[in-house]
């Protein structure tokens, strides 16, 4: 017969599992509702009801609606950013053949595109688009704290593999790339409505190939696709700081 101590330990583990499951349900519900209505259009009570939890439990796990909103982003951003960083590191540490802009843009797009096939992936992508386009995003700091750091890493990598391209053009290209990707992923129905059966929007590989190829061609110097640089060139570009500029309104990813 189990001892009293063993029974207490088992009960505690069961309670922890139950608490973790409740927390995940609340995060899932919040992600869906925030993506549809934005942070100002949803109450904690509505989120708790959607998660089939009590308001007291929602408050217990997250405290405030703002804390819950940030937790939704943190849950998704960490694994996606890890995938992006791993793919980028594998490209940039290689010397021969030299890294190309095609590989850098593939590493930037692929984890995000492939996420749409996972549970909640589309809702999260729409939530990113909402937050990035919200004039109040600077006050919350989610984009600056969670998305801008990896954005800077990819911009640095783009500059590194495009040593002859002005920094200004690289920054424009990054923002155009993220903006186009967001539009394609958040509203595929409109894409299909306008293109009919011409484009394979359901294929992750097709989406990645089309957007990466388009931007490689846009960034290409006369006579070839943008791309290969030596390790010495990459190091020189990486050590060149951008000139200070007034910060434009951001669309980060």
C-alpha atoms as a PDB file:
ATOM      1  CA  UNK A   1       0.000   0.000   0.000  1.00  0.00           C
ATOM      2  CA  UNK A   2       1.488   3.414  -0.975  1.00  0.00           C
ATOM      3  CA  UNK A   3       2.725   5.507   1.888  1.00  0.00           C
ATOM      4  CA  UNK A   4       1.151   8.854   2.742  1.00  0.00           C
ATOM      5  CA  UNK A   5       4.260  10.602   1.358  1.00  0.00           C
ATOM      6  CA  UNK A   6       3.991   8.714  -1.939  1.00  0.00           C
ATOM      7  CA  UNK A   7       0.309   9.586  -2.241  1.00  0.00           C
ATOM      8  CA  UNK A   8       1.078  13.256  -1.632  1.00  0.00           C
ATOM      9  CA  UNK A   9       3.816  13.211  -4.298  1.00  0.00           C
ATOM     10  CA  UNK A  10       1.487  11.562  -6.811  1.00  0.00           C
ATOM     11  CA  UNK A  11      -1.264  14.073  -6.100  1.00  0.00           C
ATOM     12  CA  UNK A  12       1.169  16.971  -6.538  1.00  0.00           C
ATOM     13  CA  UNK A  13       2.343  15.635  -9.905  1.00  0.00           C
ATOM     14  CA  UNK A  14      -1.236  15.180 -11.060  1.00  0.00           C
ATOM     15  CA  UNK A  15      -2.067  18.748  -9.998  1.00  0.00           C
ATOM     16  CA  UNK A  16       0.994  20.070 -11.842  1.00  0.00           C
ATOM     17  CA  UNK A  17      -0.017  18.254 -15.022  1.00  0.00           C
ATOM     18  CA  UNK A  18      -3.536  19.590 -14.713  1.00  0.00           C
ATOM     19  CA  UNK A  19      -2.252  23.111 -14.124  1.00  0.00           C
ATOM     20  CA  UNK A  20       0.054  22.908 -17.147  1.00  0.00           C
ATOM     21  CA  UNK A  21      -2.791  21.654 -19.339  1.00  0.00           C
ATOM     22  CA  UNK A  22      -5.045  24.484 -18.165  1.00  0.00           C
ATOM     23  CA  UNK A  23      -2.319  27.021 -18.878  1.00  0.00           C
ATOM     24  CA  UNK A  24      -1.923  25.679 -22.429  1.00  0.00           C
ATOM     25  CA  UNK A  25      -5.675  25.818 -23.039  1.00  0.00           C
ATOM     26  CA  UNK A  26      -5.732  29.426 -21.912  1.00  0.00           C
ATOM     27  CA  UNK A  27      -2.807  30.278 -24.198  1.00  0.00           C
ATOM     28  CA  UNK A  28      -4.494  28.532 -27.145  1.00  0.00           C
ATOM     29  CA  UNK A  29      -7.761  30.364 -26.537  1.00  0.00           C
ATOM     30  CA  UNK A  30      -6.009  33.701 -26.105  1.00  0.00           C
ATOM     31  CA  UNK A  31      -4.064  33.196 -29.322  1.00  0.00           C
ATOM     32  CA  UNK A  32      -7.251  32.529 -31.298  1.00  0.00           C
ATOM     33  CA  UNK A  33      -9.185  35.449 -29.837  1.00  0.00           C
ATOM     34  CA  UNK A  34      -6.324  37.948 -29.931  1.00  0.00           C
ATOM     35  CA  UNK A  35      -5.650  37.078 -33.586  1.00  0.00           C
ATOM     36  CA  UNK A  36      -9.304  37.707 -34.453  1.00  0.00           C
ATOM     37  CA  UNK A  37     -10.042  40.764 -32.333  1.00  0.00           C
ATOM     38  CA  UNK A  38      -6.739  42.223 -31.136  1.00  0.00           C
ATOM     39  CA  UNK A  39      -5.723  42.828 -27.542  1.00  0.00           C
ATOM     40  CA  UNK A  40      -8.251  45.615 -27.020  1.00  0.00           C
ATOM     41  CA  UNK A  41     -11.165  43.581 -28.363  1.00  0.00           C
ATOM     42  CA  UNK A  42     -10.920  40.664 -25.929  1.00  0.00           C
ATOM     43  CA  UNK A  43     -11.445  40.389 -22.177  1.00  0.00           C
ATOM     44  CA  UNK A  44      -9.881  37.947 -19.741  1.00  0.00           C
ATOM     45  CA  UNK A  45     -13.375  36.665 -19.006  1.00  0.00           C
ATOM     46  CA  UNK A  46     -13.942  35.852 -22.699  1.00  0.00           C
ATOM     47  CA  UNK A  47     -10.585  34.075 -22.915  1.00  0.00           C
ATOM     48  CA  UNK A  48     -11.327  32.019 -19.801  1.00  0.00           C
ATOM     49  CA  UNK A  49     -14.712  31.007 -21.213  1.00  0.00           C
ATOM     50  CA  UNK A  50     -13.135  30.016 -24.554  1.00  0.00           C
ATOM     51  CA  UNK A  51     -10.567  27.919 -22.664  1.00  0.00           C
ATOM     52  CA  UNK A  52     -13.263  26.332 -20.471  1.00  0.00           C
ATOM     53  CA  UNK A  53     -11.482  27.657 -17.407  1.00  0.00           C
ATOM     54  CA  UNK A  54     -12.479  30.014 -14.640  1.00  0.00           C
ATOM     55  CA  UNK A  55     -11.507  33.660 -14.645  1.00  0.00           C
ATOM     56  CA  UNK A  56      -9.723  33.037 -11.343  1.00  0.00           C
ATOM     57  CA  UNK A  57      -7.495  30.409 -13.003  1.00  0.00           C
ATOM     58  CA  UNK A  58      -6.695  32.700 -15.918  1.00  0.00           C
ATOM     59  CA  UNK A  59      -5.709  35.434 -13.491  1.00  0.00           C
ATOM     60  CA  UNK A  60      -3.733  32.946 -11.386  1.00  0.00           C
ATOM     61  CA  UNK A  61      -1.627  31.760 -14.330  1.00  0.00           C
ATOM     62  CA  UNK A  62      -1.073  35.111 -16.077  1.00  0.00           C
ATOM     63  CA  UNK A  63      -2.100  37.938 -13.779  1.00  0.00           C
ATOM     64  CA  UNK A  64      -3.158  40.499 -16.376  1.00  0.00           C
ATOM     65  CA  UNK A  65      -4.379  40.484 -19.952  1.00  0.00           C
ATOM     66  CA  UNK A  66      -1.175  42.236 -21.030  1.00  0.00           C
ATOM     67  CA  UNK A  67       0.951  39.500 -19.427  1.00  0.00           C
ATOM     68  CA  UNK A  68      -1.130  36.823 -21.140  1.00  0.00           C
ATOM     69  CA  UNK A  69      -0.782  38.635 -24.476  1.00  0.00           C
ATOM     70  CA  UNK A  70       3.004  38.658 -24.150  1.00  0.00           C
ATOM     71  CA  UNK A  71       3.056  35.003 -23.057  1.00  0.00           C
ATOM     72  CA  UNK A  72       1.248  34.028 -26.284  1.00  0.00           C
ATOM     73  CA  UNK A  73       4.102  35.543 -28.303  1.00  0.00           C
ATOM     74  CA  UNK A  74       6.844  34.110 -26.111  1.00  0.00           C
ATOM     75  CA  UNK A  75       5.506  30.581 -26.491  1.00  0.00           C
ATOM     76  CA  UNK A  76       5.699  30.712 -30.301  1.00  0.00           C
ATOM     77  CA  UNK A  77       8.686  32.957 -30.898  1.00  0.00           C
ATOM     78  CA  UNK A  78      11.232  30.915 -28.952  1.00  0.00           C
ATOM     79  CA  UNK A  79      11.046  27.710 -31.072  1.00  0.00           C
ATOM     80  CA  UNK A  80      10.646  29.539 -34.400  1.00  0.00           C
ATOM     81  CA  UNK A  81      13.591  31.818 -33.653  1.00  0.00           C
ATOM     82  CA  UNK A  82      15.665  28.791 -32.633  1.00  0.00           C
ATOM     83  CA  UNK A  83      14.919  27.146 -35.993  1.00  0.00           C
ATOM     84  CA  UNK A  84      15.837  30.299 -37.861  1.00  0.00           C
ATOM     85  CA  UNK A  85      19.069  30.809 -35.931  1.00  0.00           C
ATOM     86  CA  UNK A  86      20.139  27.191 -36.427  1.00  0.00           C
ATOM     87  CA  UNK A  87      19.488  27.375 -40.178  1.00  0.00           C
ATOM     88  CA  UNK A  88      21.279  30.724 -40.466  1.00  0.00           C
ATOM     89  CA  UNK A  89      24.272  29.535 -38.440  1.00  0.00           C
ATOM     90  CA  UNK A  90      24.640  26.437 -40.649  1.00  0.00           C
ATOM     91  CA  UNK A  91      24.762  28.696 -43.699  1.00  0.00           C
ATOM     92  CA  UNK A  92      27.022  31.429 -42.369  1.00  0.00           C
ATOM     93  CA  UNK A  93      29.672  29.197 -40.807  1.00  0.00           C
ATOM     94  CA  UNK A  94      30.352  27.573 -44.174  1.00  0.00           C
ATOM     95  CA  UNK A  95      33.202  28.934 -46.293  1.00  0.00           C
ATOM     96  CA  UNK A  96      33.028  26.787 -49.445  1.00  0.00           C
ATOM     97  CA  UNK A  97      30.821  27.199 -51.241  1.00  0.00           C
ATOM     98  CA  UNK A  98      30.275  30.678 -49.863  1.00  0.00           C
ATOM     99  CA  UNK A  99      26.857  31.487 -48.357  1.00  0.00           C
ATOM    100  CA  UNK A 100      24.317  33.088 -50.685  1.00  0.00           C
ATOM    101  CA  UNK A 101      21.410  35.439 -50.221  1.00  0.00           C
ATOM    102  CA  UNK A 102      19.141  32.625 -51.387  1.00  0.00           C
ATOM    103  CA  UNK A 103      20.167  30.512 -48.400  1.00  0.00           C
ATOM    104  CA  UNK A 104      19.808  33.398 -45.958  1.00  0.00           C
ATOM    105  CA  UNK A 105      16.292  34.219 -47.188  1.00  0.00           C
ATOM    106  CA  UNK A 106      15.338  30.531 -47.133  1.00  0.00           C
ATOM    107  CA  UNK A 107      16.408  30.342 -43.475  1.00  0.00           C
ATOM    108  CA  UNK A 108      14.356  33.464 -42.774  1.00  0.00           C
ATOM    109  CA  UNK A 109      11.182  32.223 -44.468  1.00  0.00           C
ATOM    110  CA  UNK A 110      11.078  28.455 -44.062  1.00  0.00           C
ATOM    111  CA  UNK A 111      10.332  28.060 -40.316  1.00  0.00           C
ATOM    112  CA  UNK A 112       7.578  30.650 -40.540  1.00  0.00           C
ATOM    113  CA  UNK A 113       5.982  29.187 -43.670  1.00  0.00           C
ATOM    114  CA  UNK A 114       6.111  25.648 -42.328  1.00  0.00           C
ATOM    115  CA  UNK A 115       4.559  26.762 -39.037  1.00  0.00           C
ATOM    116  CA  UNK A 116       1.218  27.352 -40.770  1.00  0.00           C
ATOM    117  CA  UNK A 117       0.683  23.590 -40.906  1.00  0.00           C
ATOM    118  CA  UNK A 118       0.959  23.266 -37.127  1.00  0.00           C
ATOM    119  CA  UNK A 119      -1.949  23.747 -34.707  1.00  0.00           C
ATOM    120  CA  UNK A 120      -2.465  27.457 -34.118  1.00  0.00           C
ATOM    121  CA  UNK A 121       0.123  28.442 -36.722  1.00  0.00           C
ATOM    122  CA  UNK A 122      -2.213  30.571 -38.841  1.00  0.00           C
ATOM    123  CA  UNK A 123      -3.687  32.307 -35.787  1.00  0.00           C
ATOM    124  CA  UNK A 124      -0.223  33.188 -34.539  1.00  0.00           C
ATOM    125  CA  UNK A 125       0.864  34.525 -37.932  1.00  0.00           C
ATOM    126  CA  UNK A 126      -2.211  36.772 -38.027  1.00  0.00           C
ATOM    127  CA  UNK A 127      -1.457  37.898 -34.500  1.00  0.00           C
ATOM    128  CA  UNK A 128       2.096  38.852 -35.515  1.00  0.00           C
ATOM    129  CA  UNK A 129       0.683  40.897 -38.382  1.00  0.00           C
ATOM    130  CA  UNK A 130      -1.725  42.659 -36.014  1.00  0.00           C
ATOM    131  CA  UNK A 131       0.966  43.502 -33.495  1.00  0.00           C
ATOM    132  CA  UNK A 132       3.538  44.631 -36.050  1.00  0.00           C
ATOM    133  CA  UNK A 133       1.014  46.983 -37.626  1.00  0.00           C
ATOM    134  CA  UNK A 134      -0.388  48.364 -34.369  1.00  0.00           C
ATOM    135  CA  UNK A 135       0.701  51.961 -33.640  1.00  0.00           C
ATOM    136  CA  UNK A 136       0.792  51.001 -29.939  1.00  0.00           C
ATOM    137  CA  UNK A 137       3.260  48.131 -30.378  1.00  0.00           C
ATOM    138  CA  UNK A 138       6.158  50.300 -29.213  1.00  0.00           C
ATOM    139  CA  UNK A 139       4.492  50.769 -25.835  1.00  0.00           C
ATOM    140  CA  UNK A 140       4.121  47.014 -25.285  1.00  0.00           C
ATOM    141  CA  UNK A 141       7.663  46.251 -26.431  1.00  0.00           C
ATOM    142  CA  UNK A 142       6.855  42.790 -27.807  1.00  0.00           C
ATOM    143  CA  UNK A 143       8.198  43.455 -31.300  1.00  0.00           C
ATOM    144  CA  UNK A 144      11.269  45.290 -29.970  1.00  0.00           C
ATOM    145  CA  UNK A 145      12.100  42.669 -27.339  1.00  0.00           C
ATOM    146  CA  UNK A 146      11.176  39.418 -29.080  1.00  0.00           C
ATOM    147  CA  UNK A 147      11.349  40.027 -32.830  1.00  0.00           C
ATOM    148  CA  UNK A 148      13.839  42.822 -33.453  1.00  0.00           C
ATOM    149  CA  UNK A 149      16.916  40.919 -32.168  1.00  0.00           C
ATOM    150  CA  UNK A 150      16.620  38.123 -34.728  1.00  0.00           C
ATOM    151  CA  UNK A 151      15.619  40.631 -37.403  1.00  0.00           C
ATOM    152  CA  UNK A 152      18.941  42.397 -36.832  1.00  0.00           C
ATOM    153  CA  UNK A 153      20.791  39.071 -37.126  1.00  0.00           C
ATOM    154  CA  UNK A 154      19.236  38.378 -40.514  1.00  0.00           C
ATOM    155  CA  UNK A 155      19.813  41.926 -41.759  1.00  0.00           C
ATOM    156  CA  UNK A 156      23.488  41.568 -40.767  1.00  0.00           C
ATOM    157  CA  UNK A 157      23.666  38.244 -42.625  1.00  0.00           C
ATOM    158  CA  UNK A 158      22.046  39.793 -45.706  1.00  0.00           C
ATOM    159  CA  UNK A 159      24.610  42.598 -45.669  1.00  0.00           C
ATOM    160  CA  UNK A 160      27.373  40.062 -45.197  1.00  0.00           C
ATOM    161  CA  UNK A 161      26.477  38.061 -48.314  1.00  0.00           C
ATOM    162  CA  UNK A 162      25.698  41.215 -50.334  1.00  0.00           C
ATOM    163  CA  UNK A 163      28.884  43.264 -49.787  1.00  0.00           C
ATOM    164  CA  UNK A 164      28.326  45.425 -52.847  1.00  0.00           C
ATOM    165  CA  UNK A 165      24.753  46.342 -51.958  1.00  0.00           C
ATOM    166  CA  UNK A 166      24.107  49.587 -50.061  1.00  0.00           C
ATOM    167  CA  UNK A 167      22.882  49.092 -46.497  1.00  0.00           C
ATOM    168  CA  UNK A 168      19.825  51.184 -47.314  1.00  0.00           C
ATOM    169  CA  UNK A 169      18.768  48.727 -50.035  1.00  0.00           C
ATOM    170  CA  UNK A 170      19.290  45.717 -47.768  1.00  0.00           C
ATOM    171  CA  UNK A 171      17.060  47.224 -45.089  1.00  0.00           C
ATOM    172  CA  UNK A 172      14.341  47.989 -47.633  1.00  0.00           C
ATOM    173  CA  UNK A 173      14.613  44.453 -48.990  1.00  0.00           C
ATOM    174  CA  UNK A 174      14.273  42.910 -45.523  1.00  0.00           C
ATOM    175  CA  UNK A 175      11.109  44.859 -44.761  1.00  0.00           C
ATOM    176  CA  UNK A 176       9.619  44.188 -48.192  1.00  0.00           C
ATOM    177  CA  UNK A 177      10.356  40.480 -47.743  1.00  0.00           C
ATOM    178  CA  UNK A 178       8.704  40.266 -44.322  1.00  0.00           C
ATOM    179  CA  UNK A 179       5.743  42.344 -45.461  1.00  0.00           C
ATOM    180  CA  UNK A 180       5.144  40.168 -48.519  1.00  0.00           C
ATOM    181  CA  UNK A 181       5.480  36.989 -46.484  1.00  0.00           C
ATOM    182  CA  UNK A 182       3.015  38.242 -43.876  1.00  0.00           C
ATOM    183  CA  UNK A 183       0.457  39.158 -46.531  1.00  0.00           C
ATOM    184  CA  UNK A 184       0.696  35.767 -48.226  1.00  0.00           C
ATOM    185  CA  UNK A 185       0.481  33.776 -44.990  1.00  0.00           C
ATOM    186  CA  UNK A 186      -2.240  35.761 -43.230  1.00  0.00           C
ATOM    187  CA  UNK A 187      -4.717  36.006 -46.103  1.00  0.00           C
ATOM    188  CA  UNK A 188      -4.306  33.026 -48.441  1.00  0.00           C
ATOM    189  CA  UNK A 189      -7.982  33.208 -49.441  1.00  0.00           C
ATOM    190  CA  UNK A 190      -7.509  36.544 -51.184  1.00  0.00           C
ATOM    191  CA  UNK A 191      -4.403  35.218 -52.890  1.00  0.00           C
ATOM    192  CA  UNK A 192      -6.413  32.300 -54.283  1.00  0.00           C
ATOM    193  CA  UNK A 193      -9.303  34.568 -55.230  1.00  0.00           C
ATOM    194  CA  UNK A 194      -7.036  36.768 -57.340  1.00  0.00           C
ATOM    195  CA  UNK A 195      -4.721  34.111 -58.785  1.00  0.00           C
ATOM    196  CA  UNK A 196      -7.152  31.229 -59.255  1.00  0.00           C
ATOM    197  CA  UNK A 197      -5.224  28.014 -59.874  1.00  0.00           C
ATOM    198  CA  UNK A 198      -2.111  29.709 -61.259  1.00  0.00           C
ATOM    199  CA  UNK A 199      -0.190  29.624 -57.953  1.00  0.00           C
ATOM    200  CA  UNK A 200       0.210  26.721 -55.530  1.00  0.00           C
ATOM    201  CA  UNK A 201      -0.386  28.607 -52.288  1.00  0.00           C
ATOM    202  CA  UNK A 202      -0.895  25.380 -50.301  1.00  0.00           C
ATOM    203  CA  UNK A 203       2.632  24.118 -50.958  1.00  0.00           C
ATOM    204  CA  UNK A 204       5.168  25.333 -48.400  1.00  0.00           C
ATOM    205  CA  UNK A 205       8.011  24.670 -50.800  1.00  0.00           C
ATOM    206  CA  UNK A 206       6.314  26.578 -53.622  1.00  0.00           C
ATOM    207  CA  UNK A 207       5.722  29.626 -51.402  1.00  0.00           C
ATOM    208  CA  UNK A 208       9.319  29.596 -50.170  1.00  0.00           C
ATOM    209  CA  UNK A 209      10.771  29.076 -53.644  1.00  0.00           C
ATOM    210  CA  UNK A 210       8.707  31.845 -55.235  1.00  0.00           C
ATOM    211  CA  UNK A 211       9.334  34.550 -52.643  1.00  0.00           C
ATOM    212  CA  UNK A 212      13.031  33.713 -52.212  1.00  0.00           C
ATOM    213  CA  UNK A 213      13.628  33.623 -55.979  1.00  0.00           C
ATOM    214  CA  UNK A 214      11.810  36.928 -56.476  1.00  0.00           C
ATOM    215  CA  UNK A 215      13.962  38.717 -53.911  1.00  0.00           C
ATOM    216  CA  UNK A 216      17.175  37.097 -55.113  1.00  0.00           C
ATOM    217  CA  UNK A 217      16.452  38.472 -58.571  1.00  0.00           C
ATOM    218  CA  UNK A 218      15.538  41.874 -57.159  1.00  0.00           C
ATOM    219  CA  UNK A 219      18.836  42.058 -55.265  1.00  0.00           C
ATOM    220  CA  UNK A 220      20.972  40.605 -58.050  1.00  0.00           C
ATOM    221  CA  UNK A 221      23.766  42.711 -59.520  1.00  0.00           C
ATOM    222  CA  UNK A 222      23.827  43.068 -63.301  1.00  0.00           C
ATOM    223  CA  UNK A 223      24.793  39.760 -64.863  1.00  0.00           C
ATOM    224  CA  UNK A 224      23.807  37.317 -62.143  1.00  0.00           C
ATOM    225  CA  UNK A 225      21.903  36.343 -59.028  1.00  0.00           C
ATOM    226  CA  UNK A 226      22.855  38.039 -55.785  1.00  0.00           C
ATOM    227  CA  UNK A 227      24.948  35.762 -53.672  1.00  0.00           C
ATOM    228  CA  UNK A 228      28.377  34.426 -53.040  1.00  0.00           C
ATOM    229  CA  UNK A 229      30.984  36.226 -50.979  1.00  0.00           C
ATOM    230  CA  UNK A 230      34.194  35.143 -49.323  1.00  0.00           C
ATOM    231  CA  UNK A 231      34.652  34.848 -45.565  1.00  0.00           C
ATOM    232  CA  UNK A 232      36.950  37.915 -45.652  1.00  0.00           C
ATOM    233  CA  UNK A 233      34.257  39.976 -47.394  1.00  0.00           C
ATOM    234  CA  UNK A 234      31.619  38.787 -44.919  1.00  0.00           C
ATOM    235  CA  UNK A 235      33.782  39.773 -41.970  1.00  0.00           C
ATOM    236  CA  UNK A 236      34.443  43.232 -43.401  1.00  0.00           C
ATOM    237  CA  UNK A 237      30.755  43.897 -43.976  1.00  0.00           C
ATOM    238  CA  UNK A 238      29.761  42.514 -40.569  1.00  0.00           C
ATOM    239  CA  UNK A 239      32.158  44.949 -38.887  1.00  0.00           C
ATOM    240  CA  UNK A 240      30.780  47.974 -40.737  1.00  0.00           C
ATOM    241  CA  UNK A 241      28.126  49.708 -38.586  1.00  0.00           C
ATOM    242  CA  UNK A 242      25.061  51.255 -40.149  1.00  0.00           C
ATOM    243  CA  UNK A 243      24.914  55.032 -40.142  1.00  0.00           C
ATOM    244  CA  UNK A 244      22.459  56.295 -37.513  1.00  0.00           C
ATOM    245  CA  UNK A 245      19.042  56.896 -38.987  1.00  0.00           C
ATOM    246  CA  UNK A 246      15.649  57.929 -37.733  1.00  0.00           C
ATOM    247  CA  UNK A 247      13.799  54.690 -37.015  1.00  0.00           C
ATOM    248  CA  UNK A 248      10.989  54.015 -39.529  1.00  0.00           C
ATOM    249  CA  UNK A 249       7.788  52.281 -38.597  1.00  0.00           C
ATOM    250  CA  UNK A 250       8.735  48.609 -38.416  1.00  0.00           C
ATOM    251  CA  UNK A 251       7.311  45.395 -39.719  1.00  0.00           C
ATOM    252  CA  UNK A 252       9.415  42.792 -37.960  1.00  0.00           C
ATOM    253  CA  UNK A 253       9.589  39.041 -38.145  1.00  0.00           C
END
